[in-house]
Amino acid sequence: MRLLTHNLLQCNKKGVTNGFPLIIRPTKIKYEESPFDKDFTVAMIPKLEYSALLKALQWVQECPGVASGDALPPSSLPQLPGELPGKPEDEEGFLRRSRPWRCPPRPR
């Protein structure tokens, strides 16, 4: 599942009081390269729950293959700022660093 998809999901099971974000505990990571698409990235930013995205990235980084550096190419999980920039659509560097949520890795 792509992290963007994960960011849009929530648990609607009866009795669950806090069903977002869903916890990720990956055992395997698959990396797929994709081209940078600025328009798509800018269009998706308003739909994101940014704090949940940062938490999901943290969970992925804790995966054994990622933590050891074996599962992903170097710098495929760049550091994102703790808060979304004021005008992210004008921040080319931020948009390019946003690769982890708009494309792979795919936790499995």
PDB file of N, CA and C in Angstrom:
ATOM      1  N   MET A   1       0.841  -1.166   0.000  1.00  0.00           N
ATOM      2  CA  MET A   1       0.000   0.000   0.000  1.00  0.00           C
ATOM      3  C   MET A   1       0.895   1.241   0.000  1.00  0.00           C
ATOM      4  N   ARG A   2       0.571   2.183  -0.829  1.00  0.00           N
ATOM      5  CA  ARG A   2       1.314   3.431  -0.849  1.00  0.00           C
ATOM      6  C   ARG A   2       0.947   4.250   0.388  1.00  0.00           C
ATOM      7  N   LEU A   3       1.887   5.065   0.853  1.00  0.00           N
ATOM      8  CA  LEU A   3       1.620   5.861   2.044  1.00  0.00           C
ATOM      9  C   LEU A   3       0.513   6.884   1.806  1.00  0.00           C
ATOM     10  N   LEU A   4       0.339   7.319   0.574  1.00  0.00           N
ATOM     11  CA  LEU A   4      -0.755   8.228   0.268  1.00  0.00           C
ATOM     12  C   LEU A   4      -2.093   7.530   0.505  1.00  0.00           C
ATOM     13  N   THR A   5      -2.219   6.301   0.045  1.00  0.00           N
ATOM     14  CA  THR A   5      -3.445   5.526   0.268  1.00  0.00           C
ATOM     15  C   THR A   5      -3.677   5.340   1.757  1.00  0.00           C
ATOM     16  N   HIS A   6      -2.620   4.993   2.483  1.00  0.00           N
ATOM     17  CA  HIS A   6      -2.726   4.805   3.928  1.00  0.00           C
ATOM     18  C   HIS A   6      -3.254   6.062   4.595  1.00  0.00           C
ATOM     19  N   ASN A   7      -2.816   7.224   4.145  1.00  0.00           N
ATOM     20  CA  ASN A   7      -3.202   8.484   4.759  1.00  0.00           C
ATOM     21  C   ASN A   7      -4.693   8.772   4.587  1.00  0.00           C
ATOM     22  N   LEU A   8      -5.321   8.163   3.613  1.00  0.00           N
ATOM     23  CA  LEU A   8      -6.732   8.407   3.347  1.00  0.00           C
ATOM     24  C   LEU A   8      -7.651   7.372   3.990  1.00  0.00           C
ATOM     25  N   LEU A   9      -7.090   6.344   4.622  1.00  0.00           N
ATOM     26  CA  LEU A   9      -7.890   5.266   5.218  1.00  0.00           C
ATOM     27  C   LEU A   9      -8.138   5.498   6.702  1.00  0.00           C
ATOM     28  N   GLN A  10      -9.266   4.982   7.179  1.00  0.00           N
ATOM     29  CA  GLN A  10      -9.525   4.966   8.605  1.00  0.00           C
ATOM     30  C   GLN A  10     -10.374   3.742   8.934  1.00  0.00           C
ATOM     31  N   CYS A  11     -10.307   3.318  10.164  1.00  0.00           N
ATOM     32  CA  CYS A  11     -11.091   2.168  10.608  1.00  0.00           C
ATOM     33  C   CYS A  11     -12.488   2.633  10.978  1.00  0.00           C
ATOM     34  N   ASN A  12     -13.497   2.005  10.403  1.00  0.00           N
ATOM     35  CA  ASN A  12     -14.877   2.366  10.740  1.00  0.00           C
ATOM     36  C   ASN A  12     -15.587   1.244  11.490  1.00  0.00           C
ATOM     37  N   LYS A  13     -14.805   0.363  12.086  1.00  0.00           N
ATOM     38  CA  LYS A  13     -15.369  -0.740  12.858  1.00  0.00           C
ATOM     39  C   LYS A  13     -16.108  -0.194  14.081  1.00  0.00           C
ATOM     40  N   LYS A  14     -17.287  -0.741  14.346  1.00  0.00           N
ATOM     41  CA  LYS A  14     -18.106  -0.285  15.467  1.00  0.00           C
ATOM     42  C   LYS A  14     -17.334  -0.414  16.777  1.00  0.00           C
ATOM     43  N   GLY A  15     -17.385   0.626  17.570  1.00  0.00           N
ATOM     44  CA  GLY A  15     -16.715   0.617  18.864  1.00  0.00           C
ATOM     45  C   GLY A  15     -15.315   1.210  18.843  1.00  0.00           C
ATOM     46  N   VAL A  16     -14.758   1.437  17.673  1.00  0.00           N
ATOM     47  CA  VAL A  16     -13.428   2.044  17.576  1.00  0.00           C
ATOM     48  C   VAL A  16     -13.588   3.544  17.734  1.00  0.00           C
ATOM     49  N   THR A  17     -12.890   4.108  18.725  1.00  0.00           N
ATOM     50  CA  THR A  17     -13.028   5.540  18.971  1.00  0.00           C
ATOM     51  C   THR A  17     -11.984   6.362  18.222  1.00  0.00           C
ATOM     52  N   ASN A  18     -10.820   5.810  17.970  1.00  0.00           N
ATOM     53  CA  ASN A  18      -9.777   6.540  17.252  1.00  0.00           C
ATOM     54  C   ASN A  18      -9.248   5.642  16.142  1.00  0.00           C
ATOM     55  N   GLY A  19      -9.906   5.653  15.002  1.00  0.00           N
ATOM     56  CA  GLY A  19      -9.545   4.760  13.903  1.00  0.00           C
ATOM     57  C   GLY A  19      -8.612   5.355  12.881  1.00  0.00           C
ATOM     58  N   PHE A  20      -7.953   6.455  13.235  1.00  0.00           N
ATOM     59  CA  PHE A  20      -7.040   7.092  12.298  1.00  0.00           C
ATOM     60  C   PHE A  20      -5.856   7.631  13.057  1.00  0.00           C
ATOM     61  N   PRO A  21      -4.656   7.473  12.577  1.00  0.00           N
ATOM     62  CA  PRO A  21      -4.286   6.688  11.402  1.00  0.00           C
ATOM     63  C   PRO A  21      -4.199   5.205  11.739  1.00  0.00           C
ATOM     64  N   LEU A  22      -4.353   4.389  10.709  1.00  0.00           N
ATOM     65  CA  LEU A  22      -4.161   2.955  10.877  1.00  0.00           C
ATOM     66  C   LEU A  22      -2.680   2.711  11.130  1.00  0.00           C
ATOM     67  N   ILE A  23      -2.373   1.812  12.027  1.00  0.00           N
ATOM     68  CA  ILE A  23      -0.977   1.517  12.360  1.00  0.00           C
ATOM     69  C   ILE A  23      -0.353   0.651  11.263  1.00  0.00           C
ATOM     70  N   ILE A  24       0.867   0.988  10.882  1.00  0.00           N
ATOM     71  CA  ILE A  24       1.617   0.201   9.893  1.00  0.00           C
ATOM     72  C   ILE A  24       2.713  -0.555  10.629  1.00  0.00           C
ATOM     73  N   ARG A  25       2.748  -1.865  10.451  1.00  0.00           N
ATOM     74  CA  ARG A  25       3.815  -2.713  10.983  1.00  0.00           C
ATOM     75  C   ARG A  25       4.354  -3.563   9.835  1.00  0.00           C
ATOM     76  N   PRO A  26       5.094  -2.950   8.916  1.00  0.00           N
ATOM     77  CA  PRO A  26       5.540  -3.698   7.733  1.00  0.00           C
ATOM     78  C   PRO A  26       6.566  -4.772   8.081  1.00  0.00           C
ATOM     79  N   THR A  27       6.483  -5.862   7.373  1.00  0.00           N
ATOM     80  CA  THR A  27       7.483  -6.921   7.499  1.00  0.00           C
ATOM     81  C   THR A  27       8.343  -6.981   6.244  1.00  0.00           C
ATOM     82  N   LYS A  28       7.853  -6.364   5.175  1.00  0.00           N
ATOM     83  CA  LYS A  28       8.568  -6.351   3.908  1.00  0.00           C
ATOM     84  C   LYS A  28       8.262  -5.033   3.200  1.00  0.00           C
ATOM     85  N   ILE A  29       9.262  -4.467   2.539  1.00  0.00           N
ATOM     86  CA  ILE A  29       9.094  -3.226   1.801  1.00  0.00           C
ATOM     87  C   ILE A  29       9.475  -3.469   0.351  1.00  0.00           C
ATOM     88  N   LYS A  30       8.639  -2.961  -0.551  1.00  0.00           N
ATOM     89  CA  LYS A  30       8.951  -3.038  -1.975  1.00  0.00           C
ATOM     90  C   LYS A  30       9.094  -1.607  -2.480  1.00  0.00           C
ATOM     91  N   TYR A  31      10.206  -1.298  -3.134  1.00  0.00           N
ATOM     92  CA  TYR A  31      10.460   0.049  -3.633  1.00  0.00           C
ATOM     93  C   TYR A  31      10.247   0.086  -5.137  1.00  0.00           C
ATOM     94  N   GLU A  32       9.455   1.059  -5.591  1.00  0.00           N
ATOM     95  CA  GLU A  32       9.225   1.250  -7.017  1.00  0.00           C
ATOM     96  C   GLU A  32       9.451   2.716  -7.342  1.00  0.00           C
ATOM     97  N   GLU A  33      10.313   2.995  -8.276  1.00  0.00           N
ATOM     98  CA  GLU A  33      10.612   4.365  -8.692  1.00  0.00           C
ATOM     99  C   GLU A  33       9.469   4.904  -9.544  1.00  0.00           C
ATOM    100  N   SER A  34       9.176   6.186  -9.399  1.00  0.00           N
ATOM    101  CA  SER A  34       8.182   6.829 -10.252  1.00  0.00           C
ATOM    102  C   SER A  34       8.619   8.272 -10.501  1.00  0.00           C
ATOM    103  N   PRO A  35       8.190   8.849 -11.614  1.00  0.00           N
ATOM    104  CA  PRO A  35       8.613  10.210 -11.938  1.00  0.00           C
ATOM    105  C   PRO A  35       7.943  11.248 -11.029  1.00  0.00           C
ATOM    106  N   PHE A  36       8.591  12.387 -10.887  1.00  0.00           N
ATOM    107  CA  PHE A  36       8.055  13.494 -10.103  1.00  0.00           C
ATOM    108  C   PHE A  36       6.928  14.155 -10.886  1.00  0.00           C
ATOM    109  N   ASP A  37       5.785  14.358 -10.243  1.00  0.00           N
ATOM    110  CA  ASP A  37       4.635  14.998 -10.860  1.00  0.00           C
ATOM    111  C   ASP A  37       4.177  16.130  -9.935  1.00  0.00           C
ATOM    112  N   LYS A  38       4.649  17.335 -10.221  1.00  0.00           N
ATOM    113  CA  LYS A  38       4.374  18.468  -9.350  1.00  0.00           C
ATOM    114  C   LYS A  38       2.878  18.740  -9.229  1.00  0.00           C
ATOM    115  N   ASP A  39       2.154  18.708 -10.332  1.00  0.00           N
ATOM    116  CA  ASP A  39       0.719  19.014 -10.295  1.00  0.00           C
ATOM    117  C   ASP A  39      -0.041  18.042  -9.393  1.00  0.00           C
ATOM    118  N   PHE A  40       0.264  16.758  -9.511  1.00  0.00           N
ATOM    119  CA  PHE A  40      -0.389  15.754  -8.672  1.00  0.00           C
ATOM    120  C   PHE A  40      -0.046  15.985  -7.204  1.00  0.00           C
ATOM    121  N   THR A  41       1.221  16.230  -6.933  1.00  0.00           N
ATOM    122  CA  THR A  41       1.670  16.433  -5.565  1.00  0.00           C
ATOM    123  C   THR A  41       0.959  17.627  -4.940  1.00  0.00           C
ATOM    124  N   VAL A  42       0.919  18.743  -5.642  1.00  0.00           N
ATOM    125  CA  VAL A  42       0.253  19.947  -5.131  1.00  0.00           C
ATOM    126  C   VAL A  42      -1.237  19.694  -4.914  1.00  0.00           C
ATOM    127  N   ALA A  43      -1.877  18.963  -5.806  1.00  0.00           N
ATOM    128  CA  ALA A  43      -3.310  18.693  -5.694  1.00  0.00           C
ATOM    129  C   ALA A  43      -3.633  17.808  -4.489  1.00  0.00           C
ATOM    130  N   MET A  44      -2.715  16.940  -4.090  1.00  0.00           N
ATOM    131  CA  MET A  44      -2.987  16.009  -2.991  1.00  0.00           C
ATOM    132  C   MET A  44      -2.711  16.603  -1.616  1.00  0.00           C
ATOM    133  N   ILE A  45      -1.903  17.637  -1.529  1.00  0.00           N
ATOM    134  CA  ILE A  45      -1.519  18.194  -0.230  1.00  0.00           C
ATOM    135  C   ILE A  45      -2.719  18.580   0.631  1.00  0.00           C
ATOM    136  N   PRO A  46      -3.747  19.251   0.098  1.00  0.00           N
ATOM    137  CA  PRO A  46      -4.881  19.610   0.966  1.00  0.00           C
ATOM    138  C   PRO A  46      -5.643  18.397   1.507  1.00  0.00           C
ATOM    139  N   LYS A  47      -5.486  17.251   0.891  1.00  0.00           N
ATOM    140  CA  LYS A  47      -6.209  16.051   1.321  1.00  0.00           C
ATOM    141  C   LYS A  47      -5.457  15.270   2.398  1.00  0.00           C
ATOM    142  N   LEU A  48      -4.206  15.636   2.642  1.00  0.00           N
ATOM    143  CA  LEU A  48      -3.371  14.902   3.589  1.00  0.00           C
ATOM    144  C   LEU A  48      -3.612  15.310   5.029  1.00  0.00           C
ATOM    145  N   GLU A  49      -3.464  14.348   5.911  1.00  0.00           N
ATOM    146  CA  GLU A  49      -3.335  14.606   7.335  1.00  0.00           C
ATOM    147  C   GLU A  49      -1.835  14.492   7.593  1.00  0.00           C
ATOM    148  N   TYR A  50      -1.157  15.644   7.611  1.00  0.00           N
ATOM    149  CA  TYR A  50       0.310  15.657   7.588  1.00  0.00           C
ATOM    150  C   TYR A  50       0.927  14.964   8.800  1.00  0.00           C
ATOM    151  N   SER A  51       0.372  15.164   9.986  1.00  0.00           N
ATOM    152  CA  SER A  51       0.938  14.517  11.179  1.00  0.00           C
ATOM    153  C   SER A  51       0.836  12.989  11.069  1.00  0.00           C
ATOM    154  N   ALA A  52      -0.242  12.491  10.473  1.00  0.00           N
ATOM    155  CA  ALA A  52      -0.389  11.046  10.269  1.00  0.00           C
ATOM    156  C   ALA A  52       0.623  10.544   9.246  1.00  0.00           C
ATOM    157  N   LEU A  53       0.918  11.357   8.239  1.00  0.00           N
ATOM    158  CA  LEU A  53       1.932  10.988   7.257  1.00  0.00           C
ATOM    159  C   LEU A  53       3.298  10.853   7.923  1.00  0.00           C
ATOM    160  N   LEU A  54       3.646  11.797   8.772  1.00  0.00           N
ATOM    161  CA  LEU A  54       4.930  11.726   9.474  1.00  0.00           C
ATOM    162  C   LEU A  54       4.997  10.485  10.362  1.00  0.00           C
ATOM    163  N   LYS A  55       3.896  10.150  11.007  1.00  0.00           N
ATOM    164  CA  LYS A  55       3.859   8.950  11.859  1.00  0.00           C
ATOM    165  C   LYS A  55       4.023   7.691  11.014  1.00  0.00           C
ATOM    166  N   ALA A  56       3.360   7.641   9.856  1.00  0.00           N
ATOM    167  CA  ALA A  56       3.485   6.487   8.964  1.00  0.00           C
ATOM    168  C   ALA A  56       4.921   6.333   8.477  1.00  0.00           C
ATOM    169  N   LEU A  57       5.573   7.432   8.147  1.00  0.00           N
ATOM    170  CA  LEU A  57       6.980   7.361   7.735  1.00  0.00           C
ATOM    171  C   LEU A  57       7.848   6.807   8.864  1.00  0.00           C
ATOM    172  N   GLN A  58       7.553   7.219  10.089  1.00  0.00           N
ATOM    173  CA  GLN A  58       8.297   6.703  11.234  1.00  0.00           C
ATOM    174  C   GLN A  58       8.116   5.191  11.349  1.00  0.00           C
ATOM    175  N   TRP A  59       6.887   4.707  11.189  1.00  0.00           N
ATOM    176  CA  TRP A  59       6.623   3.266  11.276  1.00  0.00           C
ATOM    177  C   TRP A  59       7.372   2.511  10.177  1.00  0.00           C
ATOM    178  N   VAL A  60       7.386   3.063   8.975  1.00  0.00           N
ATOM    179  CA  VAL A  60       8.110   2.417   7.870  1.00  0.00           C
ATOM    180  C   VAL A  60       9.600   2.383   8.170  1.00  0.00           C
ATOM    181  N   GLN A  61      10.134   3.458   8.726  1.00  0.00           N
ATOM    182  CA  GLN A  61      11.558   3.508   9.039  1.00  0.00           C
ATOM    183  C   GLN A  61      11.945   2.489  10.103  1.00  0.00           C
ATOM    184  N   GLU A  62      10.995   2.058  10.915  1.00  0.00           N
ATOM    185  CA  GLU A  62      11.261   1.069  11.952  1.00  0.00           C
ATOM    186  C   GLU A  62      11.260  -0.364  11.421  1.00  0.00           C
ATOM    187  N   CYS A  63      10.830  -0.560  10.180  1.00  0.00           N
ATOM    188  CA  CYS A  63      10.846  -1.893   9.572  1.00  0.00           C
ATOM    189  C   CYS A  63      12.281  -2.397   9.529  1.00  0.00           C
ATOM    190  N   PRO A  64      12.539  -3.669   9.888  1.00  0.00           N
ATOM    191  CA  PRO A  64      13.906  -4.176   9.944  1.00  0.00           C
ATOM    192  C   PRO A  64      14.731  -3.939   8.672  1.00  0.00           C
ATOM    193  N   GLY A  65      14.186  -4.152   7.506  1.00  0.00           N
ATOM    194  CA  GLY A  65      14.939  -3.951   6.273  1.00  0.00           C
ATOM    195  C   GLY A  65      15.286  -2.499   6.016  1.00  0.00           C
ATOM    196  N   VAL A  66      14.409  -1.597   6.436  1.00  0.00           N
ATOM    197  CA  VAL A  66      14.650  -0.165   6.259  1.00  0.00           C
ATOM    198  C   VAL A  66      15.677   0.308   7.274  1.00  0.00           C
ATOM    199  N   ALA A  67      15.519  -0.120   8.513  1.00  0.00           N
ATOM    200  CA  ALA A  67      16.434   0.294   9.566  1.00  0.00           C
ATOM    201  C   ALA A  67      17.872  -0.126   9.262  1.00  0.00           C
ATOM    202  N   SER A  68      18.040  -1.287   8.635  1.00  0.00           N
ATOM    203  CA  SER A  68      19.390  -1.770   8.317  1.00  0.00           C
ATOM    204  C   SER A  68      19.918  -1.188   7.014  1.00  0.00           C
ATOM    205  N   GLY A  69      19.035  -0.565   6.206  1.00  0.00           N
ATOM    206  CA  GLY A  69      19.456   0.015   4.930  1.00  0.00           C
ATOM    207  C   GLY A  69      19.409  -0.959   3.775  1.00  0.00           C
ATOM    208  N   ASP A  70      18.884  -2.169   3.983  1.00  0.00           N
ATOM    209  CA  ASP A  70      18.860  -3.185   2.932  1.00  0.00           C
ATOM    210  C   ASP A  70      17.644  -3.081   2.007  1.00  0.00           C
ATOM    211  N   ALA A  71      16.529  -2.553   2.496  1.00  0.00           N
ATOM    212  CA  ALA A  71      15.272  -2.614   1.745  1.00  0.00           C
ATOM    213  C   ALA A  71      15.079  -1.477   0.742  1.00  0.00           C
ATOM    214  N   LEU A  72      15.716  -0.343   0.977  1.00  0.00           N
ATOM    215  CA  LEU A  72      15.471   0.820   0.136  1.00  0.00           C
ATOM    216  C   LEU A  72      16.774   1.440  -0.348  1.00  0.00           C
ATOM    217  N   PRO A  73      16.733   2.072  -1.508  1.00  0.00           N
ATOM    218  CA  PRO A  73      17.911   2.806  -1.982  1.00  0.00           C
ATOM    219  C   PRO A  73      18.249   3.949  -1.020  1.00  0.00           C
ATOM    220  N   PRO A  74      19.502   4.367  -0.955  1.00  0.00           N
ATOM    221  CA  PRO A  74      19.885   5.476  -0.080  1.00  0.00           C
ATOM    222  C   PRO A  74      19.049   6.721  -0.379  1.00  0.00           C
ATOM    223  N   SER A  75      18.702   7.429   0.637  1.00  0.00           N
ATOM    224  CA  SER A  75      17.930   8.679   0.601  1.00  0.00           C
ATOM    225  C   SER A  75      16.534   8.535  -0.007  1.00  0.00           C
ATOM    226  N   SER A  76      15.973   7.335  -0.052  1.00  0.00           N
ATOM    227  CA  SER A  76      14.611   7.180  -0.577  1.00  0.00           C
ATOM    228  C   SER A  76      13.569   7.609   0.454  1.00  0.00           C
ATOM    229  N   LEU A  77      13.966   7.726   1.712  1.00  0.00           N
ATOM    230  CA  LEU A  77      13.082   8.249   2.752  1.00  0.00           C
ATOM    231  C   LEU A  77      13.701   9.518   3.336  1.00  0.00           C
ATOM    232  N   PRO A  78      13.636  10.623   2.613  1.00  0.00           N
ATOM    233  CA  PRO A  78      14.233  11.858   3.116  1.00  0.00           C
ATOM    234  C   PRO A  78      13.464  12.407   4.311  1.00  0.00           C
ATOM    235  N   GLN A  79      14.111  13.253   5.067  1.00  0.00           N
ATOM    236  CA  GLN A  79      13.470  13.888   6.205  1.00  0.00           C
ATOM    237  C   GLN A  79      12.479  14.946   5.720  1.00  0.00           C
ATOM    238  N   LEU A  80      11.292  14.920   6.263  1.00  0.00           N
ATOM    239  CA  LEU A  80      10.298  15.951   5.991  1.00  0.00           C
ATOM    240  C   LEU A  80      10.215  16.869   7.207  1.00  0.00           C
ATOM    241  N   PRO A  81       9.866  18.141   6.994  1.00  0.00           N
ATOM    242  CA  PRO A  81       9.761  19.049   8.141  1.00  0.00           C
ATOM    243  C   PRO A  81       8.649  18.613   9.088  1.00  0.00           C
ATOM    244  N   GLY A  82       8.770  18.986  10.348  1.00  0.00           N
ATOM    245  CA  GLY A  82       7.776  18.623  11.350  1.00  0.00           C
ATOM    246  C   GLY A  82       6.402  19.215  11.095  1.00  0.00           C
ATOM    247  N   GLU A  83       6.360  20.312  10.341  1.00  0.00           N
ATOM    248  CA  GLU A  83       5.096  20.932   9.979  1.00  0.00           C
ATOM    249  C   GLU A  83       5.069  21.208   8.489  1.00  0.00           C
ATOM    250  N   LEU A  84       3.900  21.164   7.921  1.00  0.00           N
ATOM    251  CA  LEU A  84       3.717  21.453   6.507  1.00  0.00           C
ATOM    252  C   LEU A  84       4.084  22.914   6.255  1.00  0.00           C
ATOM    253  N   PRO A  85       4.899  23.201   5.214  1.00  0.00           N
ATOM    254  CA  PRO A  85       5.236  24.600   4.923  1.00  0.00           C
ATOM    255  C   PRO A  85       3.977  25.420   4.664  1.00  0.00           C
ATOM    256  N   GLY A  86       4.045  26.729   4.921  1.00  0.00           N
ATOM    257  CA  GLY A  86       2.903  27.613   4.748  1.00  0.00           C
ATOM    258  C   GLY A  86       2.311  27.581   3.347  1.00  0.00           C
ATOM    259  N   LYS A  87       3.162  27.596   2.335  1.00  0.00           N
ATOM    260  CA  LYS A  87       2.721  27.510   0.938  1.00  0.00           C
ATOM    261  C   LYS A  87       3.513  26.388   0.275  1.00  0.00           C
ATOM    262  N   PRO A  88       3.145  25.133   0.537  1.00  0.00           N
ATOM    263  CA  PRO A  88       3.925  24.010   0.008  1.00  0.00           C
ATOM    264  C   PRO A  88       4.007  23.990  -1.511  1.00  0.00           C
ATOM    265  N   GLU A  89       2.991  24.523  -2.192  1.00  0.00           N
ATOM    266  CA  GLU A  89       3.004  24.522  -3.660  1.00  0.00           C
ATOM    267  C   GLU A  89       4.135  25.379  -4.223  1.00  0.00           C
ATOM    268  N   ASP A  90       4.665  26.302  -3.403  1.00  0.00           N
ATOM    269  CA  ASP A  90       5.772  27.156  -3.835  1.00  0.00           C
ATOM    270  C   ASP A  90       7.126  26.621  -3.396  1.00  0.00           C
ATOM    271  N   GLU A  91       7.136  25.536  -2.662  1.00  0.00           N
ATOM    272  CA  GLU A  91       8.376  24.959  -2.114  1.00  0.00           C
ATOM    273  C   GLU A  91       8.814  23.756  -2.938  1.00  0.00           C
ATOM    274  N   GLU A  92       9.532  23.987  -4.013  1.00  0.00           N
ATOM    275  CA  GLU A  92       9.963  22.913  -4.915  1.00  0.00           C
ATOM    276  C   GLU A  92      10.742  21.833  -4.171  1.00  0.00           C
ATOM    277  N   GLY A  93      11.627  22.237  -3.280  1.00  0.00           N
ATOM    278  CA  GLY A  93      12.413  21.268  -2.512  1.00  0.00           C
ATOM    279  C   GLY A  93      11.529  20.370  -1.669  1.00  0.00           C
ATOM    280  N   PHE A  94      10.545  20.957  -1.000  1.00  0.00           N
ATOM    281  CA  PHE A  94       9.621  20.162  -0.193  1.00  0.00           C
ATOM    282  C   PHE A  94       8.838  19.192  -1.067  1.00  0.00           C
ATOM    283  N   LEU A  95       8.351  19.685  -2.206  1.00  0.00           N
ATOM    284  CA  LEU A  95       7.561  18.828  -3.101  1.00  0.00           C
ATOM    285  C   LEU A  95       8.382  17.640  -3.583  1.00  0.00           C
ATOM    286  N   ARG A  96       9.635  17.863  -3.895  1.00  0.00           N
ATOM    287  CA  ARG A  96      10.491  16.750  -4.348  1.00  0.00           C
ATOM    288  C   ARG A  96      10.805  15.785  -3.206  1.00  0.00           C
ATOM    289  N   ARG A  97      10.948  16.305  -1.985  1.00  0.00           N
ATOM    290  CA  ARG A  97      11.211  15.432  -0.833  1.00  0.00           C
ATOM    291  C   ARG A  97       9.972  14.660  -0.423  1.00  0.00           C
ATOM    292  N   SER A  98       8.822  15.018  -0.956  1.00  0.00           N
ATOM    293  CA  SER A  98       7.575  14.365  -0.567  1.00  0.00           C
ATOM    294  C   SER A  98       7.390  13.001  -1.218  1.00  0.00           C
ATOM    295  N   ARG A  99       8.352  12.532  -1.961  1.00  0.00           N
ATOM    296  CA  ARG A  99       8.276  11.236  -2.639  1.00  0.00           C
ATOM    297  C   ARG A  99       7.735  10.106  -1.767  1.00  0.00           C
ATOM    298  N   PRO A 100       8.106  10.014  -0.490  1.00  0.00           N
ATOM    299  CA  PRO A 100       7.638   8.860   0.290  1.00  0.00           C
ATOM    300  C   PRO A 100       6.129   8.708   0.358  1.00  0.00           C
ATOM    301  N   TRP A 101       5.367   9.774   0.303  1.00  0.00           N
ATOM    302  CA  TRP A 101       3.923   9.587   0.413  1.00  0.00           C
ATOM    303  C   TRP A 101       3.231   9.481  -0.932  1.00  0.00           C
ATOM    304  N   ARG A 102       3.784  10.065  -1.974  1.00  0.00           N
ATOM    305  CA  ARG A 102       3.078  10.038  -3.253  1.00  0.00           C
ATOM    306  C   ARG A 102       3.487   8.861  -4.109  1.00  0.00           C
ATOM    307  N   CYS A 103       4.545   8.197  -3.759  1.00  0.00           N
ATOM    308  CA  CYS A 103       4.975   7.001  -4.487  1.00  0.00           C
ATOM    309  C   CYS A 103       5.590   6.042  -3.486  1.00  0.00           C
ATOM    310  N   PRO A 104       6.204   4.963  -3.914  1.00  0.00           N
ATOM    311  CA  PRO A 104       6.739   3.969  -2.997  1.00  0.00           C
ATOM    312  C   PRO A 104       7.670   4.582  -1.975  1.00  0.00           C
ATOM    313  N   PRO A 105       7.968   3.935  -0.878  1.00  0.00           N
ATOM    314  CA  PRO A 105       7.900   2.495  -0.649  1.00  0.00           C
ATOM    315  C   PRO A 105       6.482   1.995  -0.367  1.00  0.00           C
ATOM    316  N   ARG A 106       6.300   0.716  -0.599  1.00  0.00           N
ATOM    317  CA  ARG A 106       5.017   0.073  -0.325  1.00  0.00           C
ATOM    318  C   ARG A 106       5.192  -0.942   0.805  1.00  0.00           C
ATOM    319  N   PRO A 107       4.739  -0.584   2.014  1.00  0.00           N
ATOM    320  CA  PRO A 107       4.797  -1.580   3.088  1.00  0.00           C
ATOM    321  C   PRO A 107       3.880  -2.746   2.785  1.00  0.00           C
ATOM    322  N   ARG A 108       4.317  -3.933   3.135  1.00  0.00           N
ATOM    323  CA  ARG A 108       3.500  -5.140   2.921  1.00  0.00           C
ATOM    324  C   ARG A 108       3.394  -5.922   4.201  1.00  0.00           C
TER     325      ARG A 108
END
